[in-house]
Amino acid sequence: MKIGMCMFLWTTSVGRKHEALLRDIKDTGFDGVEIPIFSGTPDDYHRLADMLDRIGLERTAVSAMGDPQMNLIAADAATRRRGIDYMKWAIDCSDALGATLLSGPLHSTLGKFSGSGPSAAELKRSVSSQRAIGDHAEKHGITIGLEALNRFECYLFNTMDDLAAHIDAVGHPRIRAMYDTFHSNIEEADPIGAFTRNSDRIVHVHISENDRGVPGRGNIPWAETFKALRASGYDGWLTIEAFGRALKELAAATKVWRDFSETPEAVYREGHRHILDGWHAAA
């Protein structure tokens, strides 16, 4: 098991100005960080990789698509192609970063709603898009971890069962699932069962409190969650994802209107202890 910290708490563009923060994250005990990929070139991420190597931090990557003009499930073929091209770019950047895992709601446009649930046609188009993305990911040794989001952020996949069924339909070894404790707390009648039933498809886990704040301070069933993780044999990343108001666009997208912790340091320092303690207790 490795413990990571998602940089969404501070930025969507990690660079040299974050070096002191990254060093403190490393000194806290984290194995790596999750790097947002929203802009830039592979060369930019290669330079970031050099800095992370010097610090001693491994990394995963995260992205999302908020532009309806590159919706991977759109009826318009040109729109889908733009979405696939975006994903190819994100995969190229992840490769340059030295990440082997790129996760997020990388199946449809974040915050775009049709007014009804996913249609059979949308699911069929998604299968085609994900297979094309998977082929490009395969060339770079990248695995995609698709994320089920709550109903207020997307409509294509809200539950792990629906996401897992779709991954089976895609049938590509590079297209897998991720599990997020925040979204599961909203959508799943049995969050632990949702993980356990689908653990063979899950390649990444976000540790996120029910209020997006400090892990361990809220009502997520943490003891049961860590027990389920260990019982499944999961040995991947446990990455803290928390949000604040520092980034206005990201705060608006994630519906963050207030602070959830006294400081960012409380999130990653207390959160790291919470994961270690919970993991050991579950043994």
C-alpha atoms as a PDB file:
ATOM      1  CA  MET A   1       0.000   0.000   0.000  1.00  0.00           C
ATOM      2  CA  LYS A   2       1.192   3.525  -0.812  1.00  0.00           C
ATOM      3  CA  ILE A   3      -0.134   6.789   0.590  1.00  0.00           C
ATOM      4  CA  GLY A   4      -0.609   9.748  -1.737  1.00  0.00           C
ATOM      5  CA  MET A   5      -1.800  13.335  -1.531  1.00  0.00           C
ATOM      6  CA  CYS A   6      -3.812  14.920  -4.323  1.00  0.00           C
ATOM      7  CA  MET A   7      -2.607  18.429  -5.152  1.00  0.00           C
ATOM      8  CA  PHE A   8      -6.161  19.624  -5.894  1.00  0.00           C
ATOM      9  CA  LEU A   9      -6.179  21.119  -2.404  1.00  0.00           C
ATOM     10  CA  TRP A  10      -3.796  23.813  -3.650  1.00  0.00           C
ATOM     11  CA  THR A  11      -3.658  23.920  -7.428  1.00  0.00           C
ATOM     12  CA  THR A  12      -4.429  22.391 -10.817  1.00  0.00           C
ATOM     13  CA  SER A  13      -0.962  23.336 -12.080  1.00  0.00           C
ATOM     14  CA  VAL A  14       1.913  22.028  -9.962  1.00  0.00           C
ATOM     15  CA  GLY A  15       5.280  23.670 -10.550  1.00  0.00           C
ATOM     16  CA  ARG A  16       8.531  24.818  -9.020  1.00  0.00           C
ATOM     17  CA  LYS A  17       6.718  27.264  -6.735  1.00  0.00           C
ATOM     18  CA  HIS A  18       5.272  24.265  -4.889  1.00  0.00           C
ATOM     19  CA  GLU A  19       8.642  22.680  -4.114  1.00  0.00           C
ATOM     20  CA  ALA A  20       8.652  23.604  -0.406  1.00  0.00           C
ATOM     21  CA  LEU A  21       5.135  22.204  -0.010  1.00  0.00           C
ATOM     22  CA  LEU A  22       6.064  19.013  -1.839  1.00  0.00           C
ATOM     23  CA  ARG A  23       9.087  18.572   0.403  1.00  0.00           C
ATOM     24  CA  ASP A  24       6.911  18.932   3.490  1.00  0.00           C
ATOM     25  CA  ILE A  25       4.482  16.360   2.087  1.00  0.00           C
ATOM     26  CA  LYS A  26       7.437  14.027   1.606  1.00  0.00           C
ATOM     27  CA  ASP A  27       8.740  14.732   5.123  1.00  0.00           C
ATOM     28  CA  THR A  28       5.281  13.954   6.517  1.00  0.00           C
ATOM     29  CA  GLY A  29       5.705  10.426   5.212  1.00  0.00           C
ATOM     30  CA  PHE A  30       3.817  10.354   1.921  1.00  0.00           C
ATOM     31  CA  ASP A  31       5.016   8.016  -0.788  1.00  0.00           C
ATOM     32  CA  GLY A  32       3.798  10.240  -3.591  1.00  0.00           C
ATOM     33  CA  VAL A  33       1.468  12.926  -4.866  1.00  0.00           C
ATOM     34  CA  GLU A  34      -1.382  13.033  -7.345  1.00  0.00           C
ATOM     35  CA  ILE A  35      -0.677  15.574 -10.073  1.00  0.00           C
ATOM     36  CA  PRO A  36      -3.551  17.348 -11.870  1.00  0.00           C
ATOM     37  CA  ILE A  37      -3.227  17.388 -15.647  1.00  0.00           C
ATOM     38  CA  PHE A  38      -5.260  20.179 -17.229  1.00  0.00           C
ATOM     39  CA  SER A  39      -2.793  22.245 -19.230  1.00  0.00           C
ATOM     40  CA  GLY A  40       0.762  22.307 -20.508  1.00  0.00           C
ATOM     41  CA  THR A  41       2.924  20.007 -22.600  1.00  0.00           C
ATOM     42  CA  PRO A  42       4.672  16.697 -22.009  1.00  0.00           C
ATOM     43  CA  ASP A  43       7.923  18.654 -21.652  1.00  0.00           C
ATOM     44  CA  ASP A  44       6.406  20.593 -18.748  1.00  0.00           C
ATOM     45  CA  TYR A  45       5.531  17.345 -16.975  1.00  0.00           C
ATOM     46  CA  HIS A  46       8.937  15.893 -17.686  1.00  0.00           C
ATOM     47  CA  ARG A  47      10.515  18.844 -15.867  1.00  0.00           C
ATOM     48  CA  LEU A  48       8.071  18.352 -12.995  1.00  0.00           C
ATOM     49  CA  ALA A  49       9.041  14.675 -12.895  1.00  0.00           C
ATOM     50  CA  ASP A  50      12.691  15.661 -12.466  1.00  0.00           C
ATOM     51  CA  MET A  51      11.795  17.809  -9.448  1.00  0.00           C
ATOM     52  CA  LEU A  52       9.644  15.067  -7.898  1.00  0.00           C
ATOM     53  CA  ASP A  53      12.477  12.584  -8.396  1.00  0.00           C
ATOM     54  CA  ARG A  54      14.863  14.894  -6.553  1.00  0.00           C
ATOM     55  CA  ILE A  55      12.394  15.199  -3.686  1.00  0.00           C
ATOM     56  CA  GLY A  56      11.746  11.465  -3.642  1.00  0.00           C
ATOM     57  CA  LEU A  57       8.028  11.475  -4.414  1.00  0.00           C
ATOM     58  CA  GLU A  58       6.317   8.988  -6.678  1.00  0.00           C
ATOM     59  CA  ARG A  59       3.249  10.158  -8.550  1.00  0.00           C
ATOM     60  CA  THR A  60      -0.131   9.375 -10.038  1.00  0.00           C
ATOM     61  CA  ALA A  61      -2.112  11.650 -12.362  1.00  0.00           C
ATOM     62  CA  VAL A  62      -5.675  12.964 -12.310  1.00  0.00           C
ATOM     63  CA  SER A  63      -7.779  14.869 -14.819  1.00  0.00           C
ATOM     64  CA  ALA A  64     -11.351  15.643 -15.841  1.00  0.00           C
ATOM     65  CA  MET A  65     -13.192  17.125 -18.807  1.00  0.00           C
ATOM     66  CA  GLY A  66     -15.530  20.054 -18.249  1.00  0.00           C
ATOM     67  CA  ASP A  67     -15.903  21.141 -21.868  1.00  0.00           C
ATOM     68  CA  PRO A  68     -19.055  19.795 -23.566  1.00  0.00           C
ATOM     69  CA  GLN A  69     -17.241  20.172 -26.886  1.00  0.00           C
ATOM     70  CA  MET A  70     -15.145  17.126 -26.069  1.00  0.00           C
ATOM     71  CA  ASN A  71     -17.769  14.879 -24.516  1.00  0.00           C
ATOM     72  CA  LEU A  72     -16.786  11.233 -24.983  1.00  0.00           C
ATOM     73  CA  ILE A  73     -20.428  10.087 -25.152  1.00  0.00           C
ATOM     74  CA  ALA A  74     -21.801  12.794 -27.452  1.00  0.00           C
ATOM     75  CA  ALA A  75     -23.839  11.830 -30.506  1.00  0.00           C
ATOM     76  CA  ASP A  76     -21.571  13.986 -32.666  1.00  0.00           C
ATOM     77  CA  ALA A  77     -18.500  12.048 -33.815  1.00  0.00           C
ATOM     78  CA  ALA A  78     -16.296  15.174 -34.000  1.00  0.00           C
ATOM     79  CA  THR A  79     -17.104  15.997 -30.372  1.00  0.00           C
ATOM     80  CA  ARG A  80     -16.136  12.483 -29.289  1.00  0.00           C
ATOM     81  CA  ARG A  81     -12.925  12.714 -31.312  1.00  0.00           C
ATOM     82  CA  ARG A  82     -11.942  15.911 -29.471  1.00  0.00           C
ATOM     83  CA  GLY A  83     -12.501  14.090 -26.193  1.00  0.00           C
ATOM     84  CA  ILE A  84     -10.354  11.172 -27.311  1.00  0.00           C
ATOM     85  CA  ASP A  85      -7.634  13.593 -28.445  1.00  0.00           C
ATOM     86  CA  TYR A  86      -7.749  15.263 -25.016  1.00  0.00           C
ATOM     87  CA  MET A  87      -7.322  11.897 -23.340  1.00  0.00           C
ATOM     88  CA  LYS A  88      -4.402  11.027 -25.620  1.00  0.00           C
ATOM     89  CA  TRP A  89      -2.761  14.314 -24.628  1.00  0.00           C
ATOM     90  CA  ALA A  90      -3.383  13.601 -20.921  1.00  0.00           C
ATOM     91  CA  ILE A  91      -1.894  10.132 -21.333  1.00  0.00           C
ATOM     92  CA  ASP A  92       1.178  11.575 -23.056  1.00  0.00           C
ATOM     93  CA  CYS A  93       1.603  14.055 -20.198  1.00  0.00           C
ATOM     94  CA  SER A  94       1.136  11.310 -17.593  1.00  0.00           C
ATOM     95  CA  ASP A  95       3.840   9.272 -19.299  1.00  0.00           C
ATOM     96  CA  ALA A  96       6.217  12.246 -19.266  1.00  0.00           C
ATOM     97  CA  LEU A  97       5.401  12.754 -15.586  1.00  0.00           C
ATOM     98  CA  GLY A  98       6.457   9.201 -14.833  1.00  0.00           C
ATOM     99  CA  ALA A  99       2.979   8.156 -13.728  1.00  0.00           C
ATOM    100  CA  THR A 100       1.510   4.794 -14.663  1.00  0.00           C
ATOM    101  CA  LEU A 101      -2.015   5.623 -13.456  1.00  0.00           C
ATOM    102  CA  LEU A 102      -4.363   8.370 -14.695  1.00  0.00           C
ATOM    103  CA  SER A 103      -7.685   8.608 -12.866  1.00  0.00           C
ATOM    104  CA  GLY A 104     -10.826  10.705 -12.641  1.00  0.00           C
ATOM    105  CA  PRO A 105     -14.287  10.967 -14.201  1.00  0.00           C
ATOM    106  CA  LEU A 106     -12.725  10.374 -17.598  1.00  0.00           C
ATOM    107  CA  HIS A 107     -15.852   9.011 -19.196  1.00  0.00           C
ATOM    108  CA  SER A 108     -18.094  12.061 -19.731  1.00  0.00           C
ATOM    109  CA  THR A 109     -18.277  15.817 -19.293  1.00  0.00           C
ATOM    110  CA  LEU A 110     -18.178  16.895 -15.658  1.00  0.00           C
ATOM    111  CA  GLY A 111     -21.281  18.858 -14.718  1.00  0.00           C
ATOM    112  CA  LYS A 112     -23.133  18.325 -18.010  1.00  0.00           C
ATOM    113  CA  PHE A 113     -26.563  16.714 -17.670  1.00  0.00           C
ATOM    114  CA  SER A 114     -29.033  15.384 -20.223  1.00  0.00           C
ATOM    115  CA  GLY A 115     -32.049  15.545 -17.913  1.00  0.00           C
ATOM    116  CA  SER A 116     -32.313  11.777 -17.725  1.00  0.00           C
ATOM    117  CA  GLY A 117     -30.169   8.760 -16.984  1.00  0.00           C
ATOM    118  CA  PRO A 118     -27.595   7.317 -19.386  1.00  0.00           C
ATOM    119  CA  SER A 119     -29.079   5.973 -22.597  1.00  0.00           C
ATOM    120  CA  ALA A 120     -28.136   2.740 -24.336  1.00  0.00           C
ATOM    121  CA  ALA A 121     -26.706   4.818 -27.197  1.00  0.00           C
ATOM    122  CA  GLU A 122     -24.502   6.830 -24.817  1.00  0.00           C
ATOM    123  CA  LEU A 123     -23.190   3.670 -23.190  1.00  0.00           C
ATOM    124  CA  LYS A 124     -22.431   2.178 -26.605  1.00  0.00           C
ATOM    125  CA  ARG A 125     -20.550   5.299 -27.646  1.00  0.00           C
ATOM    126  CA  SER A 126     -18.668   5.228 -24.344  1.00  0.00           C
ATOM    127  CA  VAL A 127     -17.486   1.673 -25.017  1.00  0.00           C
ATOM    128  CA  SER A 128     -16.060   2.779 -28.361  1.00  0.00           C
ATOM    129  CA  SER A 129     -14.375   5.879 -26.903  1.00  0.00           C
ATOM    130  CA  GLN A 130     -12.838   3.988 -23.992  1.00  0.00           C
ATOM    131  CA  ARG A 131     -11.439   1.279 -26.233  1.00  0.00           C
ATOM    132  CA  ALA A 132      -9.708   3.917 -28.362  1.00  0.00           C
ATOM    133  CA  ILE A 133      -8.342   5.563 -25.206  1.00  0.00           C
ATOM    134  CA  GLY A 134      -7.251   2.193 -23.862  1.00  0.00           C
ATOM    135  CA  ASP A 135      -5.275   1.445 -27.010  1.00  0.00           C
ATOM    136  CA  HIS A 136      -3.319   4.697 -26.644  1.00  0.00           C
ATOM    137  CA  ALA A 137      -2.823   4.085 -22.917  1.00  0.00           C
ATOM    138  CA  GLU A 138      -1.450   0.636 -23.691  1.00  0.00           C
ATOM    139  CA  LYS A 139       1.286   2.145 -25.871  1.00  0.00           C
ATOM    140  CA  HIS A 140       2.467   4.236 -22.924  1.00  0.00           C
ATOM    141  CA  GLY A 141       2.011   1.733 -20.111  1.00  0.00           C
ATOM    142  CA  ILE A 142      -0.706   3.870 -18.507  1.00  0.00           C
ATOM    143  CA  THR A 143      -3.788   2.474 -16.757  1.00  0.00           C
ATOM    144  CA  ILE A 144      -6.957   4.578 -16.701  1.00  0.00           C
ATOM    145  CA  GLY A 145      -8.978   4.514 -13.475  1.00  0.00           C
ATOM    146  CA  LEU A 146     -12.524   5.625 -14.286  1.00  0.00           C
ATOM    147  CA  GLU A 147     -14.371   7.210 -11.379  1.00  0.00           C
ATOM    148  CA  ALA A 148     -18.040   6.934 -10.469  1.00  0.00           C
ATOM    149  CA  LEU A 149     -19.248  10.352  -9.300  1.00  0.00           C
ATOM    150  CA  ASN A 150     -22.300  11.362  -7.304  1.00  0.00           C
ATOM    151  CA  ARG A 151     -25.482  12.345  -9.145  1.00  0.00           C
ATOM    152  CA  PHE A 152     -24.864  16.073  -8.616  1.00  0.00           C
ATOM    153  CA  GLU A 153     -21.627  16.012 -10.651  1.00  0.00           C
ATOM    154  CA  CYS A 154     -22.394  13.533 -13.441  1.00  0.00           C
ATOM    155  CA  TYR A 155     -25.073  11.131 -14.615  1.00  0.00           C
ATOM    156  CA  LEU A 156     -23.257   8.453 -16.606  1.00  0.00           C
ATOM    157  CA  PHE A 157     -21.877   6.430 -13.685  1.00  0.00           C
ATOM    158  CA  ASN A 158     -22.965   7.087 -10.094  1.00  0.00           C
ATOM    159  CA  THR A 159     -22.447   3.632  -8.560  1.00  0.00           C
ATOM    160  CA  MET A 160     -19.602   1.163  -8.564  1.00  0.00           C
ATOM    161  CA  ASP A 161     -21.831  -1.619  -9.877  1.00  0.00           C
ATOM    162  CA  ASP A 162     -22.794   0.417 -12.944  1.00  0.00           C
ATOM    163  CA  LEU A 163     -19.194   1.475 -13.528  1.00  0.00           C
ATOM    164  CA  ALA A 164     -17.896  -2.086 -13.151  1.00  0.00           C
ATOM    165  CA  ALA A 165     -20.487  -3.411 -15.595  1.00  0.00           C
ATOM    166  CA  HIS A 166     -19.373  -0.831 -18.123  1.00  0.00           C
ATOM    167  CA  ILE A 167     -15.711  -1.681 -17.638  1.00  0.00           C
ATOM    168  CA  ASP A 168     -16.586  -5.292 -18.339  1.00  0.00           C
ATOM    169  CA  ALA A 169     -18.369  -4.184 -21.518  1.00  0.00           C
ATOM    170  CA  VAL A 170     -15.321  -2.161 -22.605  1.00  0.00           C
ATOM    171  CA  GLY A 171     -13.168  -5.222 -22.002  1.00  0.00           C
ATOM    172  CA  HIS A 172      -9.829  -3.405 -22.238  1.00  0.00           C
ATOM    173  CA  PRO A 173      -7.037  -4.209 -19.750  1.00  0.00           C
ATOM    174  CA  ARG A 174      -6.038  -0.534 -19.517  1.00  0.00           C
ATOM    175  CA  ILE A 175      -9.531   0.707 -18.634  1.00  0.00           C
ATOM    176  CA  ARG A 176     -10.251   0.004 -14.980  1.00  0.00           C
ATOM    177  CA  ALA A 177     -12.056   1.593 -12.005  1.00  0.00           C
ATOM    178  CA  MET A 178     -11.271   3.758  -9.033  1.00  0.00           C
ATOM    179  CA  TYR A 179     -13.165   3.939  -5.745  1.00  0.00           C
ATOM    180  CA  ASP A 180     -13.818   7.220  -3.936  1.00  0.00           C
ATOM    181  CA  THR A 181     -15.098   7.170  -0.357  1.00  0.00           C
ATOM    182  CA  PHE A 182     -16.817  10.569  -0.725  1.00  0.00           C
ATOM    183  CA  HIS A 183     -18.905   9.648  -3.762  1.00  0.00           C
ATOM    184  CA  SER A 184     -19.703   6.174  -2.423  1.00  0.00           C
ATOM    185  CA  ASN A 185     -20.917   7.711   0.824  1.00  0.00           C
ATOM    186  CA  ILE A 186     -23.527   9.620  -1.190  1.00  0.00           C
ATOM    187  CA  GLU A 187     -24.601   7.064  -3.770  1.00  0.00           C
ATOM    188  CA  GLU A 188     -24.123   3.603  -2.304  1.00  0.00           C
ATOM    189  CA  ALA A 189     -26.608   2.016   0.095  1.00  0.00           C
ATOM    190  CA  ASP A 190     -23.680  -0.164   1.184  1.00  0.00           C
ATOM    191  CA  PRO A 191     -20.363   1.569   0.411  1.00  0.00           C
ATOM    192  CA  ILE A 192     -18.306  -1.327   1.750  1.00  0.00           C
ATOM    193  CA  GLY A 193     -20.206  -3.876  -0.305  1.00  0.00           C
ATOM    194  CA  ALA A 194     -19.839  -1.662  -3.374  1.00  0.00           C
ATOM    195  CA  PHE A 195     -16.070  -1.835  -2.983  1.00  0.00           C
ATOM    196  CA  THR A 196     -15.925  -5.525  -2.138  1.00  0.00           C
ATOM    197  CA  ARG A 197     -18.144  -6.642  -5.037  1.00  0.00           C
ATOM    198  CA  ASN A 198     -16.024  -4.764  -7.519  1.00  0.00           C
ATOM    199  CA  SER A 199     -12.559  -4.896  -6.002  1.00  0.00           C
ATOM    200  CA  ASP A 200     -11.144  -6.936  -8.897  1.00  0.00           C
ATOM    201  CA  ARG A 201     -11.692  -3.948 -11.223  1.00  0.00           C
ATOM    202  CA  ILE A 202     -10.389  -1.272  -8.830  1.00  0.00           C
ATOM    203  CA  VAL A 203      -6.867   0.066  -9.376  1.00  0.00           C
ATOM    204  CA  HIS A 204      -6.988   3.279  -7.339  1.00  0.00           C
ATOM    205  CA  VAL A 205      -8.666   4.566  -4.153  1.00  0.00           C
ATOM    206  CA  HIS A 206      -9.401   8.120  -3.075  1.00  0.00           C
ATOM    207  CA  ILE A 207      -9.551   8.668   0.662  1.00  0.00           C
ATOM    208  CA  SER A 208     -12.018  11.540   1.035  1.00  0.00           C
ATOM    209  CA  GLU A 209     -14.102  12.519   4.048  1.00  0.00           C
ATOM    210  CA  ASN A 210     -17.859  12.994   3.715  1.00  0.00           C
ATOM    211  CA  ASP A 211     -17.414  16.794   3.822  1.00  0.00           C
ATOM    212  CA  ARG A 212     -14.221  16.809   1.681  1.00  0.00           C
ATOM    213  CA  GLY A 213     -12.240  17.865   4.728  1.00  0.00           C
ATOM    214  CA  VAL A 214      -9.777  16.131   7.046  1.00  0.00           C
ATOM    215  CA  PRO A 215      -9.963  12.314   6.710  1.00  0.00           C
ATOM    216  CA  GLY A 216     -11.069  10.786   9.986  1.00  0.00           C
ATOM    217  CA  ARG A 217     -13.109  13.700  11.286  1.00  0.00           C
ATOM    218  CA  GLY A 218     -16.373  12.869   9.546  1.00  0.00           C
ATOM    219  CA  ASN A 219     -18.791   9.963   9.200  1.00  0.00           C
ATOM    220  CA  ILE A 220     -17.178   7.716   6.577  1.00  0.00           C
ATOM    221  CA  PRO A 221     -17.053   4.152   8.017  1.00  0.00           C
ATOM    222  CA  TRP A 222     -13.286   4.129   8.063  1.00  0.00           C
ATOM    223  CA  ALA A 223     -12.634   0.995  10.120  1.00  0.00           C
ATOM    224  CA  GLU A 224     -14.870  -1.054   7.825  1.00  0.00           C
ATOM    225  CA  THR A 225     -13.350   0.579   4.749  1.00  0.00           C
ATOM    226  CA  PHE A 226      -9.776  -0.287   5.712  1.00  0.00           C
ATOM    227  CA  LYS A 227     -10.806  -3.827   6.650  1.00  0.00           C
ATOM    228  CA  ALA A 228     -12.444  -4.284   3.245  1.00  0.00           C
ATOM    229  CA  LEU A 229      -9.373  -2.917   1.477  1.00  0.00           C
ATOM    230  CA  ARG A 230      -7.040  -5.285   3.279  1.00  0.00           C
ATOM    231  CA  ALA A 231      -9.371  -8.266   2.941  1.00  0.00           C
ATOM    232  CA  SER A 232      -9.542  -7.738  -0.825  1.00  0.00           C
ATOM    233  CA  GLY A 233      -5.781  -7.821  -1.160  1.00  0.00           C
ATOM    234  CA  TYR A 234      -5.691  -4.248  -2.447  1.00  0.00           C
ATOM    235  CA  ASP A 235      -2.100  -3.044  -2.500  1.00  0.00           C
ATOM    236  CA  GLY A 236      -2.298   0.174  -4.511  1.00  0.00           C
ATOM    237  CA  TRP A 237      -2.550   3.860  -3.696  1.00  0.00           C
ATOM    238  CA  LEU A 238      -4.632   5.341  -0.910  1.00  0.00           C
ATOM    239  CA  THR A 239      -4.658   8.963  -2.010  1.00  0.00           C
ATOM    240  CA  ILE A 240      -6.178  11.769   0.040  1.00  0.00           C
ATOM    241  CA  GLU A 241      -8.470  14.010  -1.984  1.00  0.00           C
ATOM    242  CA  ALA A 242      -9.669  17.140  -0.228  1.00  0.00           C
ATOM    243  CA  PHE A 243     -10.810  20.513  -1.482  1.00  0.00           C
ATOM    244  CA  GLY A 244     -10.708  24.124  -0.370  1.00  0.00           C
ATOM    245  CA  ARG A 245     -11.581  27.583  -1.644  1.00  0.00           C
ATOM    246  CA  ALA A 246      -8.141  28.576  -2.914  1.00  0.00           C
ATOM    247  CA  LEU A 247      -9.021  27.844  -6.543  1.00  0.00           C
ATOM    248  CA  LYS A 248     -12.265  29.557  -7.520  1.00  0.00           C
ATOM    249  CA  GLU A 249     -12.971  27.472 -10.646  1.00  0.00           C
ATOM    250  CA  LEU A 250     -12.248  24.181  -8.898  1.00  0.00           C
ATOM    251  CA  ALA A 251     -14.243  25.268  -5.839  1.00  0.00           C
ATOM    252  CA  ALA A 252     -17.207  26.058  -8.086  1.00  0.00           C
ATOM    253  CA  ALA A 253     -16.948  22.717  -9.906  1.00  0.00           C
ATOM    254  CA  THR A 254     -16.798  20.762  -6.645  1.00  0.00           C
ATOM    255  CA  LYS A 255     -19.415  22.941  -4.887  1.00  0.00           C
ATOM    256  CA  VAL A 256     -17.048  24.089  -2.172  1.00  0.00           C
ATOM    257  CA  TRP A 257     -18.405  27.216  -0.476  1.00  0.00           C
ATOM    258  CA  ARG A 258     -16.641  27.062   2.873  1.00  0.00           C
ATOM    259  CA  ASP A 259     -13.391  25.886   4.441  1.00  0.00           C
ATOM    260  CA  PHE A 260     -13.380  22.284   5.664  1.00  0.00           C
ATOM    261  CA  SER A 261     -10.234  22.476   7.780  1.00  0.00           C
ATOM    262  CA  GLU A 262      -8.331  25.068   9.744  1.00  0.00           C
ATOM    263  CA  THR A 263      -5.290  24.672   7.472  1.00  0.00           C
ATOM    264  CA  PRO A 264      -4.214  22.534   4.491  1.00  0.00           C
ATOM    265  CA  GLU A 265      -1.479  21.134   6.721  1.00  0.00           C
ATOM    266  CA  ALA A 266      -4.145  19.637   8.986  1.00  0.00           C
ATOM    267  CA  VAL A 267      -5.549  17.744   6.016  1.00  0.00           C
ATOM    268  CA  TYR A 268      -2.358  16.025   4.946  1.00  0.00           C
ATOM    269  CA  ARG A 269      -0.639  15.607   8.288  1.00  0.00           C
ATOM    270  CA  GLU A 270      -3.669  14.350  10.196  1.00  0.00           C
ATOM    271  CA  GLY A 271      -4.874  12.496   7.106  1.00  0.00           C
ATOM    272  CA  HIS A 272      -1.612  10.620   6.761  1.00  0.00           C
ATOM    273  CA  ARG A 273      -1.764   9.473  10.384  1.00  0.00           C
ATOM    274  CA  HIS A 274      -5.387   8.476   9.899  1.00  0.00           C
ATOM    275  CA  ILE A 275      -4.557   6.200   6.957  1.00  0.00           C
ATOM    276  CA  LEU A 276      -1.573   4.597   8.669  1.00  0.00           C
ATOM    277  CA  ASP A 277      -3.494   3.975  11.878  1.00  0.00           C
ATOM    278  CA  GLY A 278      -6.543   2.637  10.053  1.00  0.00           C
ATOM    279  CA  TRP A 279      -4.481   0.371   7.826  1.00  0.00           C
ATOM    280  CA  HIS A 280      -2.563  -1.110  10.754  1.00  0.00           C
ATOM    281  CA  ALA A 281      -5.700  -1.530  12.866  1.00  0.00           C
ATOM    282  CA  ALA A 282      -7.383  -3.412  10.008  1.00  0.00           C
ATOM    283  CA  ALA A 283      -4.630  -6.021  10.051  1.00  0.00           C
END
